Amino acid sequence: KHLAKGMRLIADHLYGGDAVPALDGHRA
């Protein structure tokens, strides 16, 4: 649970929390 939460928070921090990165580096 802590790992899932931590990874989600890291992704939110790195990618803005509203989108996931696409393979080409642009936001999906």
mmCIF file of all heavy atoms, coordinates in Angstrom:
data_MODEL
# 
_entry.id   MODEL 
# 
loop_
_atom_site.group_PDB 
_atom_site.id 
_atom_site.type_symbol 
_atom_site.label_atom_id 
_atom_site.label_alt_id 
_atom_site.label_comp_id 
_atom_site.label_asym_id 
_atom_site.label_entity_id 
_atom_site.label_seq_id 
_atom_site.pdbx_PDB_ins_code 
_atom_site.Cartn_x 
_atom_site.Cartn_y 
_atom_site.Cartn_z 
_atom_site.occupancy 
_atom_site.B_iso_or_equiv 
_atom_site.pdbx_formal_charge 
_atom_site.auth_seq_id 
_atom_site.auth_comp_id 
_atom_site.auth_asym_id 
_atom_site.auth_atom_id 
_atom_site.pdbx_PDB_model_num 
ATOM 1   N N   . LYS A 1 1  ? 0.821  -1.211 0.000   1.00 0.00 ? 1  LYS A N   1 
ATOM 2   C CA  . LYS A 1 1  ? 0.000  0.000  0.000   1.00 0.00 ? 1  LYS A CA  1 
ATOM 3   C C   . LYS A 1 1  ? 0.856  1.264  0.000   1.00 0.00 ? 1  LYS A C   1 
ATOM 4   O O   . LYS A 1 1  ? 0.596  2.195  -0.749  1.00 0.00 ? 1  LYS A O   1 
ATOM 5   C CB  . LYS A 1 1  ? -0.944 0.009  1.205   1.00 0.00 ? 1  LYS A CB  1 
ATOM 6   C CG  . LYS A 1 1  ? -2.064 -0.995 1.090   1.00 0.00 ? 1  LYS A CG  1 
ATOM 7   C CD  . LYS A 1 1  ? -2.957 -0.953 2.307   1.00 0.00 ? 1  LYS A CD  1 
ATOM 8   C CE  . LYS A 1 1  ? -4.073 -1.971 2.202   1.00 0.00 ? 1  LYS A CE  1 
ATOM 9   N NZ  . LYS A 1 1  ? -4.981 -1.909 3.350   1.00 0.00 ? 1  LYS A NZ  1 
ATOM 10  N N   . HIS A 1 2  ? 1.906  1.279  0.829   1.00 0.00 ? 2  HIS A N   1 
ATOM 11  C CA  . HIS A 1 2  ? 2.785  2.448  0.871   1.00 0.00 ? 2  HIS A CA  1 
ATOM 12  C C   . HIS A 1 2  ? 3.547  2.613  -0.440  1.00 0.00 ? 2  HIS A C   1 
ATOM 13  O O   . HIS A 1 2  ? 3.739  3.738  -0.908  1.00 0.00 ? 2  HIS A O   1 
ATOM 14  C CB  . HIS A 1 2  ? 3.766  2.347  2.038   1.00 0.00 ? 2  HIS A CB  1 
ATOM 15  C CG  . HIS A 1 2  ? 3.173  2.676  3.362   1.00 0.00 ? 2  HIS A CG  1 
ATOM 16  N ND1 . HIS A 1 2  ? 2.613  3.902  3.670   1.00 0.00 ? 2  HIS A ND1 1 
ATOM 17  C CD2 . HIS A 1 2  ? 3.052  1.929  4.482   1.00 0.00 ? 2  HIS A CD2 1 
ATOM 18  C CE1 . HIS A 1 2  ? 2.183  3.899  4.909   1.00 0.00 ? 2  HIS A CE1 1 
ATOM 19  N NE2 . HIS A 1 2  ? 2.428  2.703  5.424   1.00 0.00 ? 2  HIS A NE2 1 
ATOM 20  N N   . LEU A 1 3  ? 3.972  1.503  -1.033  1.00 0.00 ? 3  LEU A N   1 
ATOM 21  C CA  . LEU A 1 3  ? 4.682  1.579  -2.302  1.00 0.00 ? 3  LEU A CA  1 
ATOM 22  C C   . LEU A 1 3  ? 3.774  2.127  -3.398  1.00 0.00 ? 3  LEU A C   1 
ATOM 23  O O   . LEU A 1 3  ? 4.174  3.017  -4.155  1.00 0.00 ? 3  LEU A O   1 
ATOM 24  C CB  . LEU A 1 3  ? 5.229  0.205  -2.700  1.00 0.00 ? 3  LEU A CB  1 
ATOM 25  C CG  . LEU A 1 3  ? 6.040  0.176  -3.987  1.00 0.00 ? 3  LEU A CG  1 
ATOM 26  C CD1 . LEU A 1 3  ? 7.279  1.054  -3.891  1.00 0.00 ? 3  LEU A CD1 1 
ATOM 27  C CD2 . LEU A 1 3  ? 6.423  -1.257 -4.325  1.00 0.00 ? 3  LEU A CD2 1 
ATOM 28  N N   . ALA A 1 4  ? 2.552  1.629  -3.465  1.00 0.00 ? 4  ALA A N   1 
ATOM 29  C CA  . ALA A 1 4  ? 1.610  2.114  -4.479  1.00 0.00 ? 4  ALA A CA  1 
ATOM 30  C C   . ALA A 1 4  ? 1.333  3.602  -4.283  1.00 0.00 ? 4  ALA A C   1 
ATOM 31  O O   . ALA A 1 4  ? 1.345  4.382  -5.248  1.00 0.00 ? 4  ALA A O   1 
ATOM 32  C CB  . ALA A 1 4  ? 0.312  1.316  -4.417  1.00 0.00 ? 4  ALA A CB  1 
ATOM 33  N N   . LYS A 1 5  ? 1.094  4.006  -3.041  1.00 0.00 ? 5  LYS A N   1 
ATOM 34  C CA  . LYS A 1 5  ? 0.835  5.422  -2.759  1.00 0.00 ? 5  LYS A CA  1 
ATOM 35  C C   . LYS A 1 5  ? 2.056  6.265  -3.111  1.00 0.00 ? 5  LYS A C   1 
ATOM 36  O O   . LYS A 1 5  ? 1.941  7.310  -3.755  1.00 0.00 ? 5  LYS A O   1 
ATOM 37  C CB  . LYS A 1 5  ? 0.476  5.601  -1.288  1.00 0.00 ? 5  LYS A CB  1 
ATOM 38  C CG  . LYS A 1 5  ? 0.228  7.051  -0.910  1.00 0.00 ? 5  LYS A CG  1 
ATOM 39  C CD  . LYS A 1 5  ? -0.128 7.176  0.560   1.00 0.00 ? 5  LYS A CD  1 
ATOM 40  C CE  . LYS A 1 5  ? -0.362 8.628  0.949   1.00 0.00 ? 5  LYS A CE  1 
ATOM 41  N NZ  . LYS A 1 5  ? -0.729 8.739  2.366   1.00 0.00 ? 5  LYS A NZ  1 
ATOM 42  N N   . GLY A 1 6  ? 3.229  5.814  -2.700  1.00 0.00 ? 6  GLY A N   1 
ATOM 43  C CA  . GLY A 1 6  ? 4.449  6.562  -2.975  1.00 0.00 ? 6  GLY A CA  1 
ATOM 44  C C   . GLY A 1 6  ? 4.713  6.717  -4.456  1.00 0.00 ? 6  GLY A C   1 
ATOM 45  O O   . GLY A 1 6  ? 5.056  7.810  -4.926  1.00 0.00 ? 6  GLY A O   1 
ATOM 46  N N   . MET A 1 7  ? 4.547  5.657  -5.218  1.00 0.00 ? 7  MET A N   1 
ATOM 47  C CA  . MET A 1 7  ? 4.790  5.728  -6.659  1.00 0.00 ? 7  MET A CA  1 
ATOM 48  C C   . MET A 1 7  ? 3.768  6.641  -7.340  1.00 0.00 ? 7  MET A C   1 
ATOM 49  O O   . MET A 1 7  ? 4.118  7.382  -8.264  1.00 0.00 ? 7  MET A O   1 
ATOM 50  C CB  . MET A 1 7  ? 4.775  4.329  -7.280  1.00 0.00 ? 7  MET A CB  1 
ATOM 51  C CG  . MET A 1 7  ? 5.876  3.414  -6.732  1.00 0.00 ? 7  MET A CG  1 
ATOM 52  S SD  . MET A 1 7  ? 7.540  4.098  -6.831  1.00 0.00 ? 7  MET A SD  1 
ATOM 53  C CE  . MET A 1 7  ? 7.799  4.055  -8.585  1.00 0.00 ? 7  MET A CE  1 
ATOM 54  N N   . ARG A 1 8  ? 2.509  6.592  -6.876  1.00 0.00 ? 8  ARG A N   1 
ATOM 55  C CA  . ARG A 1 8  ? 1.486  7.480  -7.431  1.00 0.00 ? 8  ARG A CA  1 
ATOM 56  C C   . ARG A 1 8  ? 1.836  8.940  -7.142  1.00 0.00 ? 8  ARG A C   1 
ATOM 57  O O   . ARG A 1 8  ? 1.745  9.806  -8.020  1.00 0.00 ? 8  ARG A O   1 
ATOM 58  C CB  . ARG A 1 8  ? 0.117  7.133  -6.864  1.00 0.00 ? 8  ARG A CB  1 
ATOM 59  C CG  . ARG A 1 8  ? -1.012 7.949  -7.515  1.00 0.00 ? 8  ARG A CG  1 
ATOM 60  C CD  . ARG A 1 8  ? -2.369 7.681  -6.883  1.00 0.00 ? 8  ARG A CD  1 
ATOM 61  N NE  . ARG A 1 8  ? -2.410 8.277  -5.549  1.00 0.00 ? 8  ARG A NE  1 
ATOM 62  C CZ  . ARG A 1 8  ? -2.486 7.611  -4.400  1.00 0.00 ? 8  ARG A CZ  1 
ATOM 63  N NH1 . ARG A 1 8  ? -2.537 6.298  -4.398  1.00 0.00 ? 8  ARG A NH1 1 
ATOM 64  N NH2 . ARG A 1 8  ? -2.514 8.227  -3.251  1.00 0.00 ? 8  ARG A NH2 1 
ATOM 65  N N   . LEU A 1 9  ? 2.262  9.237  -5.915  1.00 0.00 ? 9  LEU A N   1 
ATOM 66  C CA  . LEU A 1 9  ? 2.620  10.605 -5.554  1.00 0.00 ? 9  LEU A CA  1 
ATOM 67  C C   . LEU A 1 9  ? 3.845  11.091 -6.326  1.00 0.00 ? 9  LEU A C   1 
ATOM 68  O O   . LEU A 1 9  ? 3.903  12.254 -6.732  1.00 0.00 ? 9  LEU A O   1 
ATOM 69  C CB  . LEU A 1 9  ? 2.854  10.713 -4.048  1.00 0.00 ? 9  LEU A CB  1 
ATOM 70  C CG  . LEU A 1 9  ? 1.611  10.549 -3.174  1.00 0.00 ? 9  LEU A CG  1 
ATOM 71  C CD1 . LEU A 1 9  ? 2.002  10.461 -1.700  1.00 0.00 ? 9  LEU A CD1 1 
ATOM 72  C CD2 . LEU A 1 9  ? 0.627  11.690 -3.410  1.00 0.00 ? 9  LEU A CD2 1 
ATOM 73  N N   . ILE A 1 10 ? 4.808  10.209 -6.531  1.00 0.00 ? 10 ILE A N   1 
ATOM 74  C CA  . ILE A 1 10 ? 5.975  10.584 -7.333  1.00 0.00 ? 10 ILE A CA  1 
ATOM 75  C C   . ILE A 1 10 ? 5.553  10.900 -8.765  1.00 0.00 ? 10 ILE A C   1 
ATOM 76  O O   . ILE A 1 10 ? 5.971  11.900 -9.345  1.00 0.00 ? 10 ILE A O   1 
ATOM 77  C CB  . ILE A 1 10 ? 7.044  9.475  -7.303  1.00 0.00 ? 10 ILE A CB  1 
ATOM 78  C CG1 . ILE A 1 10 ? 7.705  9.439  -5.921  1.00 0.00 ? 10 ILE A CG1 1 
ATOM 79  C CG2 . ILE A 1 10 ? 8.095  9.682  -8.396  1.00 0.00 ? 10 ILE A CG2 1 
ATOM 80  C CD1 . ILE A 1 10 ? 8.619  8.251  -5.711  1.00 0.00 ? 10 ILE A CD1 1 
ATOM 81  N N   . ALA A 1 11 ? 4.714  10.048 -9.344  1.00 0.00 ? 11 ALA A N   1 
ATOM 82  C CA  . ALA A 1 11 ? 4.229  10.291 -10.706 1.00 0.00 ? 11 ALA A CA  1 
ATOM 83  C C   . ALA A 1 11 ? 3.461  11.603 -10.780 1.00 0.00 ? 11 ALA A C   1 
ATOM 84  O O   . ALA A 1 11 ? 3.640  12.375 -11.725 1.00 0.00 ? 11 ALA A O   1 
ATOM 85  C CB  . ALA A 1 11 ? 3.360  9.130  -11.181 1.00 0.00 ? 11 ALA A CB  1 
ATOM 86  N N   . ASP A 1 12 ? 2.616  11.863 -9.775  1.00 0.00 ? 12 ASP A N   1 
ATOM 87  C CA  . ASP A 1 12 ? 1.882  13.130 -9.747  1.00 0.00 ? 12 ASP A CA  1 
ATOM 88  C C   . ASP A 1 12 ? 2.844  14.313 -9.717  1.00 0.00 ? 12 ASP A C   1 
ATOM 89  O O   . ASP A 1 12 ? 2.644  15.308 -10.407 1.00 0.00 ? 12 ASP A O   1 
ATOM 90  C CB  . ASP A 1 12 ? 0.955  13.200 -8.531  1.00 0.00 ? 12 ASP A CB  1 
ATOM 91  C CG  . ASP A 1 12 ? -0.264 12.320 -8.648  1.00 0.00 ? 12 ASP A CG  1 
ATOM 92  O OD1 . ASP A 1 12 ? -0.515 11.774 -9.746  1.00 0.00 ? 12 ASP A OD1 1 
ATOM 93  O OD2 . ASP A 1 12 ? -0.963 12.162 -7.639  1.00 0.00 ? 12 ASP A OD2 1 
ATOM 94  N N   . HIS A 1 13 ? 3.894  14.203 -8.913  1.00 0.00 ? 13 HIS A N   1 
ATOM 95  C CA  . HIS A 1 13 ? 4.876  15.280 -8.811  1.00 0.00 ? 13 HIS A CA  1 
ATOM 96  C C   . HIS A 1 13 ? 5.605  15.482 -10.137 1.00 0.00 ? 13 HIS A C   1 
ATOM 97  O O   . HIS A 1 13 ? 5.784  16.613 -10.591 1.00 0.00 ? 13 HIS A O   1 
ATOM 98  C CB  . HIS A 1 13 ? 5.878  14.967 -7.698  1.00 0.00 ? 13 HIS A CB  1 
ATOM 99  C CG  . HIS A 1 13 ? 6.888  16.040 -7.474  1.00 0.00 ? 13 HIS A CG  1 
ATOM 100 N ND1 . HIS A 1 13 ? 6.643  17.103 -6.637  1.00 0.00 ? 13 HIS A ND1 1 
ATOM 101 C CD2 . HIS A 1 13 ? 8.126  16.232 -7.981  1.00 0.00 ? 13 HIS A CD2 1 
ATOM 102 C CE1 . HIS A 1 13 ? 7.697  17.901 -6.636  1.00 0.00 ? 13 HIS A CE1 1 
ATOM 103 N NE2 . HIS A 1 13 ? 8.609  17.389 -7.440  1.00 0.00 ? 13 HIS A NE2 1 
ATOM 104 N N   . LEU A 1 14 ? 6.005  14.390 -10.756 1.00 0.00 ? 14 LEU A N   1 
ATOM 105 C CA  . LEU A 1 14 ? 6.783  14.488 -11.982 1.00 0.00 ? 14 LEU A CA  1 
ATOM 106 C C   . LEU A 1 14 ? 5.956  14.856 -13.199 1.00 0.00 ? 14 LEU A C   1 
ATOM 107 O O   . LEU A 1 14 ? 6.434  15.547 -14.095 1.00 0.00 ? 14 LEU A O   1 
ATOM 108 C CB  . LEU A 1 14 ? 7.515  13.165 -12.254 1.00 0.00 ? 14 LEU A CB  1 
ATOM 109 C CG  . LEU A 1 14 ? 8.577  12.771 -11.230 1.00 0.00 ? 14 LEU A CG  1 
ATOM 110 C CD1 . LEU A 1 14 ? 9.148  11.400 -11.580 1.00 0.00 ? 14 LEU A CD1 1 
ATOM 111 C CD2 . LEU A 1 14 ? 9.682  13.809 -11.152 1.00 0.00 ? 14 LEU A CD2 1 
ATOM 112 N N   . TYR A 1 15 ? 4.700  14.397 -13.240 1.00 0.00 ? 15 TYR A N   1 
ATOM 113 C CA  . TYR A 1 15 ? 3.887  14.578 -14.441 1.00 0.00 ? 15 TYR A CA  1 
ATOM 114 C C   . TYR A 1 15 ? 2.670  15.456 -14.232 1.00 0.00 ? 15 TYR A C   1 
ATOM 115 O O   . TYR A 1 15 ? 1.788  15.501 -15.077 1.00 0.00 ? 15 TYR A O   1 
ATOM 116 C CB  . TYR A 1 15 ? 3.459  13.212 -14.988 1.00 0.00 ? 15 TYR A CB  1 
ATOM 117 C CG  . TYR A 1 15 ? 4.628  12.321 -15.278 1.00 0.00 ? 15 TYR A CG  1 
ATOM 118 C CD1 . TYR A 1 15 ? 4.822  11.152 -14.566 1.00 0.00 ? 15 TYR A CD1 1 
ATOM 119 C CD2 . TYR A 1 15 ? 5.550  12.663 -16.246 1.00 0.00 ? 15 TYR A CD2 1 
ATOM 120 C CE1 . TYR A 1 15 ? 5.912  10.331 -14.831 1.00 0.00 ? 15 TYR A CE1 1 
ATOM 121 C CE2 . TYR A 1 15 ? 6.650  11.856 -16.504 1.00 0.00 ? 15 TYR A CE2 1 
ATOM 122 C CZ  . TYR A 1 15 ? 6.812  10.699 -15.794 1.00 0.00 ? 15 TYR A CZ  1 
ATOM 123 O OH  . TYR A 1 15 ? 7.892  9.894  -16.046 1.00 0.00 ? 15 TYR A OH  1 
ATOM 124 N N   . GLY A 1 16 ? 2.563  16.112 -13.106 1.00 0.00 ? 16 GLY A N   1 
ATOM 125 C CA  . GLY A 1 16 ? 1.479  17.060 -12.897 1.00 0.00 ? 16 GLY A CA  1 
ATOM 126 C C   . GLY A 1 16 ? 0.203  16.473 -12.348 1.00 0.00 ? 16 GLY A C   1 
ATOM 127 O O   . GLY A 1 16 ? -0.742 17.197 -12.127 1.00 0.00 ? 16 GLY A O   1 
ATOM 128 N N   . GLY A 1 17 ? 0.103  15.185 -12.177 1.00 0.00 ? 17 GLY A N   1 
ATOM 129 C CA  . GLY A 1 17 ? -1.044 14.571 -11.540 1.00 0.00 ? 17 GLY A CA  1 
ATOM 130 C C   . GLY A 1 17 ? -2.285 14.429 -12.385 1.00 0.00 ? 17 GLY A C   1 
ATOM 131 O O   . GLY A 1 17 ? -3.214 13.764 -11.992 1.00 0.00 ? 17 GLY A O   1 
ATOM 132 N N   . ASP A 1 18 ? -2.324 15.043 -13.576 1.00 0.00 ? 18 ASP A N   1 
ATOM 133 C CA  . ASP A 1 18 ? -3.552 14.970 -14.365 1.00 0.00 ? 18 ASP A CA  1 
ATOM 134 C C   . ASP A 1 18 ? -3.381 14.186 -15.654 1.00 0.00 ? 18 ASP A C   1 
ATOM 135 O O   . ASP A 1 18 ? -4.314 14.027 -16.414 1.00 0.00 ? 18 ASP A O   1 
ATOM 136 C CB  . ASP A 1 18 ? -4.058 16.371 -14.695 1.00 0.00 ? 18 ASP A CB  1 
ATOM 137 C CG  . ASP A 1 18 ? -3.050 17.184 -15.487 1.00 0.00 ? 18 ASP A CG  1 
ATOM 138 O OD1 . ASP A 1 18 ? -1.884 16.763 -15.586 1.00 0.00 ? 18 ASP A OD1 1 
ATOM 139 O OD2 . ASP A 1 18 ? -3.422 18.247 -16.004 1.00 0.00 ? 18 ASP A OD2 1 
ATOM 140 N N   . ALA A 1 19 ? -2.203 13.696 -15.898 1.00 0.00 ? 19 ALA A N   1 
ATOM 141 C CA  . ALA A 1 19 ? -1.976 12.951 -17.128 1.00 0.00 ? 19 ALA A CA  1 
ATOM 142 C C   . ALA A 1 19 ? -0.788 12.024 -16.931 1.00 0.00 ? 19 ALA A C   1 
ATOM 143 O O   . ALA A 1 19 ? 0.026  12.223 -16.038 1.00 0.00 ? 19 ALA A O   1 
ATOM 144 C CB  . ALA A 1 19 ? -1.699 13.906 -18.291 1.00 0.00 ? 19 ALA A CB  1 
ATOM 145 N N   . VAL A 1 20 ? -0.718 11.038 -17.771 1.00 0.00 ? 20 VAL A N   1 
ATOM 146 C CA  . VAL A 1 20 ? 0.427  10.141 -17.747 1.00 0.00 ? 20 VAL A CA  1 
ATOM 147 C C   . VAL A 1 20 ? 1.282  10.448 -18.967 1.00 0.00 ? 20 VAL A C   1 
ATOM 148 O O   . VAL A 1 20 ? 0.773  10.891 -19.992 1.00 0.00 ? 20 VAL A O   1 
ATOM 149 C CB  . VAL A 1 20 ? -0.009 8.661  -17.752 1.00 0.00 ? 20 VAL A CB  1 
ATOM 150 C CG1 . VAL A 1 20 ? -0.739 8.320  -16.476 1.00 0.00 ? 20 VAL A CG1 1 
ATOM 151 C CG2 . VAL A 1 20 ? -0.862 8.349  -18.955 1.00 0.00 ? 20 VAL A CG2 1 
ATOM 152 N N   . PRO A 1 21 ? 2.595  10.217 -18.885 1.00 0.00 ? 21 PRO A N   1 
ATOM 153 C CA  . PRO A 1 21 ? 3.434  10.515 -20.044 1.00 0.00 ? 21 PRO A CA  1 
ATOM 154 C C   . PRO A 1 21 ? 3.193  9.501  -21.157 1.00 0.00 ? 21 PRO A C   1 
ATOM 155 O O   . PRO A 1 21 ? 2.994  8.321  -20.897 1.00 0.00 ? 21 PRO A O   1 
ATOM 156 C CB  . PRO A 1 21 ? 4.854  10.379 -19.498 1.00 0.00 ? 21 PRO A CB  1 
ATOM 157 C CG  . PRO A 1 21 ? 4.715  9.440  -18.353 1.00 0.00 ? 21 PRO A CG  1 
ATOM 158 C CD  . PRO A 1 21 ? 3.340  9.690  -17.779 1.00 0.00 ? 21 PRO A CD  1 
ATOM 159 N N   . ALA A 1 22 ? 3.178  9.972  -22.365 1.00 0.00 ? 22 ALA A N   1 
ATOM 160 C CA  . ALA A 1 22 ? 3.073  9.080  -23.512 1.00 0.00 ? 22 ALA A CA  1 
ATOM 161 C C   . ALA A 1 22 ? 4.477  8.609  -23.882 1.00 0.00 ? 22 ALA A C   1 
ATOM 162 O O   . ALA A 1 22 ? 5.473  9.160  -23.417 1.00 0.00 ? 22 ALA A O   1 
ATOM 163 C CB  . ALA A 1 22 ? 2.429  9.821  -24.687 1.00 0.00 ? 22 ALA A CB  1 
ATOM 164 N N   . LEU A 1 23 ? 4.568  7.613  -24.730 1.00 0.00 ? 23 LEU A N   1 
ATOM 165 C CA  . LEU A 1 23 ? 5.865  7.084  -25.109 1.00 0.00 ? 23 LEU A CA  1 
ATOM 166 C C   . LEU A 1 23 ? 6.721  8.110  -25.833 1.00 0.00 ? 23 LEU A C   1 
ATOM 167 O O   . LEU A 1 23 ? 7.939  8.065  -25.765 1.00 0.00 ? 23 LEU A O   1 
ATOM 168 C CB  . LEU A 1 23 ? 5.691  5.839  -25.978 1.00 0.00 ? 23 LEU A CB  1 
ATOM 169 C CG  . LEU A 1 23 ? 5.061  4.639  -25.268 1.00 0.00 ? 23 LEU A CG  1 
ATOM 170 C CD1 . LEU A 1 23 ? 4.879  3.506  -26.254 1.00 0.00 ? 23 LEU A CD1 1 
ATOM 171 C CD2 . LEU A 1 23 ? 5.907  4.202  -24.091 1.00 0.00 ? 23 LEU A CD2 1 
ATOM 172 N N   . ASP A 1 24 ? 6.108  9.065  -26.520 1.00 0.00 ? 24 ASP A N   1 
ATOM 173 C CA  . ASP A 1 24 ? 6.887  10.056 -27.260 1.00 0.00 ? 24 ASP A CA  1 
ATOM 174 C C   . ASP A 1 24 ? 7.290  11.243 -26.395 1.00 0.00 ? 24 ASP A C   1 
ATOM 175 O O   . ASP A 1 24 ? 7.860  12.212 -26.880 1.00 0.00 ? 24 ASP A O   1 
ATOM 176 C CB  . ASP A 1 24 ? 6.108  10.545 -28.483 1.00 0.00 ? 24 ASP A CB  1 
ATOM 177 C CG  . ASP A 1 24 ? 4.821  11.263 -28.132 1.00 0.00 ? 24 ASP A CG  1 
ATOM 178 O OD1 . ASP A 1 24 ? 4.520  11.428 -26.926 1.00 0.00 ? 24 ASP A OD1 1 
ATOM 179 O OD2 . ASP A 1 24 ? 4.112  11.673 -29.054 1.00 0.00 ? 24 ASP A OD2 1 
ATOM 180 N N   . GLY A 1 25 ? 7.005  11.194 -25.087 1.00 0.00 ? 25 GLY A N   1 
ATOM 181 C CA  . GLY A 1 25 ? 7.411  12.264 -24.185 1.00 0.00 ? 25 GLY A CA  1 
ATOM 182 C C   . GLY A 1 25 ? 6.372  13.349 -23.996 1.00 0.00 ? 25 GLY A C   1 
ATOM 183 O O   . GLY A 1 25 ? 6.517  14.203 -23.142 1.00 0.00 ? 25 GLY A O   1 
ATOM 184 N N   . HIS A 1 26 ? 5.314  13.341 -24.800 1.00 0.00 ? 26 HIS A N   1 
ATOM 185 C CA  . HIS A 1 26 ? 4.242  14.316 -24.629 1.00 0.00 ? 26 HIS A CA  1 
ATOM 186 C C   . HIS A 1 26 ? 3.228  13.770 -23.635 1.00 0.00 ? 26 HIS A C   1 
ATOM 187 O O   . HIS A 1 26 ? 3.155  12.581 -23.398 1.00 0.00 ? 26 HIS A O   1 
ATOM 188 C CB  . HIS A 1 26 ? 3.556  14.607 -25.974 1.00 0.00 ? 26 HIS A CB  1 
ATOM 189 C CG  . HIS A 1 26 ? 4.463  15.293 -26.932 1.00 0.00 ? 26 HIS A CG  1 
ATOM 190 N ND1 . HIS A 1 26 ? 5.245  14.586 -27.815 1.00 0.00 ? 26 HIS A ND1 1 
ATOM 191 C CD2 . HIS A 1 26 ? 4.747  16.595 -27.118 1.00 0.00 ? 26 HIS A CD2 1 
ATOM 192 C CE1 . HIS A 1 26 ? 5.953  15.444 -28.525 1.00 0.00 ? 26 HIS A CE1 1 
ATOM 193 N NE2 . HIS A 1 26 ? 5.679  16.659 -28.126 1.00 0.00 ? 26 HIS A NE2 1 
ATOM 194 N N   . ARG A 1 27 ? 2.432  14.649 -23.098 1.00 0.00 ? 27 ARG A N   1 
ATOM 195 C CA  . ARG A 1 27 ? 1.419  14.190 -22.152 1.00 0.00 ? 27 ARG A CA  1 
ATOM 196 C C   . ARG A 1 27 ? 0.282  13.491 -22.877 1.00 0.00 ? 27 ARG A C   1 
ATOM 197 O O   . ARG A 1 27 ? -0.169 13.920 -23.914 1.00 0.00 ? 27 ARG A O   1 
ATOM 198 C CB  . ARG A 1 27 ? 0.857  15.362 -21.362 1.00 0.00 ? 27 ARG A CB  1 
ATOM 199 C CG  . ARG A 1 27 ? 1.837  15.831 -20.359 1.00 0.00 ? 27 ARG A CG  1 
ATOM 200 C CD  . ARG A 1 27 ? 1.213  16.863 -19.482 1.00 0.00 ? 27 ARG A CD  1 
ATOM 201 N NE  . ARG A 1 27 ? 2.194  17.178 -18.477 1.00 0.00 ? 27 ARG A NE  1 
ATOM 202 C CZ  . ARG A 1 27 ? 1.921  17.275 -17.199 1.00 0.00 ? 27 ARG A CZ  1 
ATOM 203 N NH1 . ARG A 1 27 ? 0.720  17.118 -16.777 1.00 0.00 ? 27 ARG A NH1 1 
ATOM 204 N NH2 . ARG A 1 27 ? 2.850  17.554 -16.338 1.00 0.00 ? 27 ARG A NH2 1 
ATOM 205 N N   . ALA A 1 28 ? -0.131 12.420 -22.256 1.00 0.00 ? 28 ALA A N   1 
ATOM 206 C CA  . ALA A 1 28 ? -1.282 11.694 -22.769 1.00 0.00 ? 28 ALA A CA  1 
ATOM 207 C C   . ALA A 1 28 ? -2.532 12.236 -22.088 1.00 0.00 ? 28 ALA A C   1 
ATOM 208 O O   . ALA A 1 28 ? -2.450 12.989 -21.124 1.00 0.00 ? 28 ALA A O   1 
ATOM 209 C CB  . ALA A 1 28 ? -1.127 10.205 -22.475 1.00 0.00 ? 28 ALA A CB  1 
# 
